[in-house]
Amino acid sequence: MKVTIVEAADRLLPGEEPEASEAVATAFEAEGINVVAGAMVERVRADGGSIVVTLAGGEELAGKRLLVATGRTWGLSPSDLEAMVSSRLMSACVQATGSGRWAM
């Protein structure tokens, strides 16, 4: 199976030290994982049995499966988080969703 990672930032793990990004990219490449950094996805479409991802600039990547992973930002203030933890709501945030998958 061929795997390609498309990262909008100029490198993997942009919030970490550049050396960490380089180490991860090197490890991925050694495993045959293609990394495309500094690329924006413009469009995703189904084409027969394939999924086609079009990058800014026109490059297209095609495959059988697509995994989308995006960053998330909590909309909680420190006092909101403190209230959640103290009321034990935090323990209720982790739930089984079936088939061995978990959500938080």
C-alpha atoms as a PDB file:
ATOM      1  CA  MET A   1       0.000   0.000   0.000  1.00  0.00           C
ATOM      2  CA  LYS A   2       1.345   3.403  -0.955  1.00  0.00           C
ATOM      3  CA  VAL A   3       0.856   6.168   1.634  1.00  0.00           C
ATOM      4  CA  THR A   4       1.172   9.918   1.062  1.00  0.00           C
ATOM      5  CA  ILE A   5       0.939  12.525   3.810  1.00  0.00           C
ATOM      6  CA  VAL A   6      -0.053  16.034   2.715  1.00  0.00           C
ATOM      7  CA  GLU A   7       0.912  18.727   5.229  1.00  0.00           C
ATOM      8  CA  ALA A   8      -0.080  22.374   4.778  1.00  0.00           C
ATOM      9  CA  ALA A   9       2.807  23.598   6.950  1.00  0.00           C
ATOM     10  CA  ASP A  10       6.302  23.720   5.524  1.00  0.00           C
ATOM     11  CA  ARG A  11       7.277  20.630   7.552  1.00  0.00           C
ATOM     12  CA  LEU A  12       5.787  17.829   9.629  1.00  0.00           C
ATOM     13  CA  LEU A  13       5.216  18.614  13.315  1.00  0.00           C
ATOM     14  CA  PRO A  14       5.406  22.386  12.835  1.00  0.00           C
ATOM     15  CA  GLY A  15       4.880  23.009  16.560  1.00  0.00           C
ATOM     16  CA  GLU A  16       7.950  20.983  17.474  1.00  0.00           C
ATOM     17  CA  GLU A  17      11.675  21.497  17.021  1.00  0.00           C
ATOM     18  CA  PRO A  18      12.824  21.276  13.378  1.00  0.00           C
ATOM     19  CA  GLU A  19      15.042  18.299  14.276  1.00  0.00           C
ATOM     20  CA  ALA A  20      11.964  16.328  15.390  1.00  0.00           C
ATOM     21  CA  SER A  21      10.228  17.101  12.106  1.00  0.00           C
ATOM     22  CA  GLU A  22      13.279  15.992  10.161  1.00  0.00           C
ATOM     23  CA  ALA A  23      13.579  12.745  12.148  1.00  0.00           C
ATOM     24  CA  VAL A  24       9.925  11.861  11.567  1.00  0.00           C
ATOM     25  CA  ALA A  25      10.113  12.716   7.855  1.00  0.00           C
ATOM     26  CA  THR A  26      13.260  10.580   7.496  1.00  0.00           C
ATOM     27  CA  ALA A  27      11.609   7.654   9.290  1.00  0.00           C
ATOM     28  CA  PHE A  28       8.500   7.946   7.108  1.00  0.00           C
ATOM     29  CA  GLU A  29      10.577   8.056   3.932  1.00  0.00           C
ATOM     30  CA  ALA A  30      12.540   4.976   5.075  1.00  0.00           C
ATOM     31  CA  GLU A  31       9.189   3.183   5.389  1.00  0.00           C
ATOM     32  CA  GLY A  32       8.174   4.259   1.892  1.00  0.00           C
ATOM     33  CA  ILE A  33       5.739   6.946   3.058  1.00  0.00           C
ATOM     34  CA  ASN A  34       5.704   9.966   0.746  1.00  0.00           C
ATOM     35  CA  VAL A  35       5.549  13.345   2.530  1.00  0.00           C
ATOM     36  CA  VAL A  36       4.306  16.422   0.662  1.00  0.00           C
ATOM     37  CA  ALA A  37       4.871  19.459   2.916  1.00  0.00           C
ATOM     38  CA  GLY A  38       3.834  23.028   2.196  1.00  0.00           C
ATOM     39  CA  ALA A  39       0.874  21.872   0.121  1.00  0.00           C
ATOM     40  CA  MET A  40      -2.750  22.958   0.297  1.00  0.00           C
ATOM     41  CA  VAL A  41      -5.588  20.685  -0.745  1.00  0.00           C
ATOM     42  CA  GLU A  42      -7.935  22.451  -3.143  1.00  0.00           C
ATOM     43  CA  ARG A  43     -10.366  19.686  -3.956  1.00  0.00           C
ATOM     44  CA  VAL A  44     -11.311  16.081  -3.193  1.00  0.00           C
ATOM     45  CA  ARG A  45     -13.509  14.079  -5.538  1.00  0.00           C
ATOM     46  CA  ALA A  46     -14.585  10.526  -6.234  1.00  0.00           C
ATOM     47  CA  ASP A  47     -13.565   9.181  -9.627  1.00  0.00           C
ATOM     48  CA  GLY A  48     -14.899   5.679 -10.193  1.00  0.00           C
ATOM     49  CA  GLY A  49     -13.336   3.520  -7.484  1.00  0.00           C
ATOM     50  CA  SER A  50     -10.688   6.089  -6.582  1.00  0.00           C
ATOM     51  CA  ILE A  51     -10.500   9.209  -4.468  1.00  0.00           C
ATOM     52  CA  VAL A  52      -8.610  12.050  -6.142  1.00  0.00           C
ATOM     53  CA  VAL A  53      -7.034  14.852  -4.115  1.00  0.00           C
ATOM     54  CA  THR A  54      -6.085  17.974  -6.070  1.00  0.00           C
ATOM     55  CA  LEU A  55      -3.367  20.138  -4.535  1.00  0.00           C
ATOM     56  CA  ALA A  56      -2.856  23.850  -5.130  1.00  0.00           C
ATOM     57  CA  GLY A  57      -0.865  24.041  -8.320  1.00  0.00           C
ATOM     58  CA  GLY A  58      -2.815  21.207  -9.929  1.00  0.00           C
ATOM     59  CA  GLU A  59      -0.939  18.100  -8.756  1.00  0.00           C
ATOM     60  CA  GLU A  60      -3.333  15.189  -8.235  1.00  0.00           C
ATOM     61  CA  LEU A  61      -2.977  12.265  -5.859  1.00  0.00           C
ATOM     62  CA  ALA A  62      -5.262   9.257  -6.329  1.00  0.00           C
ATOM     63  CA  GLY A  63      -5.967   6.389  -3.977  1.00  0.00           C
ATOM     64  CA  LYS A  64      -8.505   3.948  -2.638  1.00  0.00           C
ATOM     65  CA  ARG A  65      -8.775   5.485   0.846  1.00  0.00           C
ATOM     66  CA  LEU A  66      -8.508   8.957   2.371  1.00  0.00           C
ATOM     67  CA  LEU A  67      -7.849   9.808   5.998  1.00  0.00           C
ATOM     68  CA  VAL A  68      -8.370  13.429   7.007  1.00  0.00           C
ATOM     69  CA  ALA A  69      -6.704  14.618  10.204  1.00  0.00           C
ATOM     70  CA  THR A  70      -7.012  18.262  11.192  1.00  0.00           C
ATOM     71  CA  GLY A  71      -5.925  20.209  14.222  1.00  0.00           C
ATOM     72  CA  ARG A  72      -8.480  21.134  16.823  1.00  0.00           C
ATOM     73  CA  THR A  73      -8.616  23.988  19.287  1.00  0.00           C
ATOM     74  CA  TRP A  74     -10.522  23.753  22.547  1.00  0.00           C
ATOM     75  CA  GLY A  75     -13.040  26.535  23.070  1.00  0.00           C
ATOM     76  CA  LEU A  76     -12.606  26.368  26.843  1.00  0.00           C
ATOM     77  CA  SER A  77     -11.215  28.895  29.244  1.00  0.00           C
ATOM     78  CA  PRO A  78      -9.038  27.600  32.114  1.00  0.00           C
ATOM     79  CA  SER A  79     -11.963  28.060  34.515  1.00  0.00           C
ATOM     80  CA  ASP A  80     -14.259  26.013  32.228  1.00  0.00           C
ATOM     81  CA  LEU A  81     -11.731  23.183  32.143  1.00  0.00           C
ATOM     82  CA  GLU A  82     -11.307  23.345  35.914  1.00  0.00           C
ATOM     83  CA  ALA A  83     -15.104  23.106  36.352  1.00  0.00           C
ATOM     84  CA  MET A  84     -15.260  20.072  34.060  1.00  0.00           C
ATOM     85  CA  VAL A  85     -12.555  18.223  35.933  1.00  0.00           C
ATOM     86  CA  SER A  86     -13.975  19.036  39.357  1.00  0.00           C
ATOM     87  CA  SER A  87     -17.474  17.917  38.337  1.00  0.00           C
ATOM     88  CA  ARG A  88     -16.142  14.641  36.933  1.00  0.00           C
ATOM     89  CA  LEU A  89     -17.553  15.415  33.503  1.00  0.00           C
ATOM     90  CA  MET A  90     -14.117  14.764  32.089  1.00  0.00           C
ATOM     91  CA  SER A  91     -14.414  11.053  32.850  1.00  0.00           C
ATOM     92  CA  ALA A  92     -17.644  10.939  30.847  1.00  0.00           C
ATOM     93  CA  CYS A  93     -15.985  12.409  27.748  1.00  0.00           C
ATOM     94  CA  VAL A  94     -14.367   9.125  26.751  1.00  0.00           C
ATOM     95  CA  GLN A  95     -16.909   6.732  25.312  1.00  0.00           C
ATOM     96  CA  ALA A  96     -16.750   3.542  23.299  1.00  0.00           C
ATOM     97  CA  THR A  97     -18.159   4.134  19.834  1.00  0.00           C
ATOM     98  CA  GLY A  98     -18.260   0.461  18.862  1.00  0.00           C
ATOM     99  CA  SER A  99     -15.983  -1.773  16.816  1.00  0.00           C
ATOM    100  CA  GLY A 100     -12.975  -1.026  19.032  1.00  0.00           C
ATOM    101  CA  ARG A 101     -12.947   2.693  18.206  1.00  0.00           C
ATOM    102  CA  TRP A 102     -12.827   5.364  20.885  1.00  0.00           C
ATOM    103  CA  ALA A 103     -13.756   9.022  20.833  1.00  0.00           C
ATOM    104  CA  MET A 104     -12.995  11.857  23.212  1.00  0.00           C
END
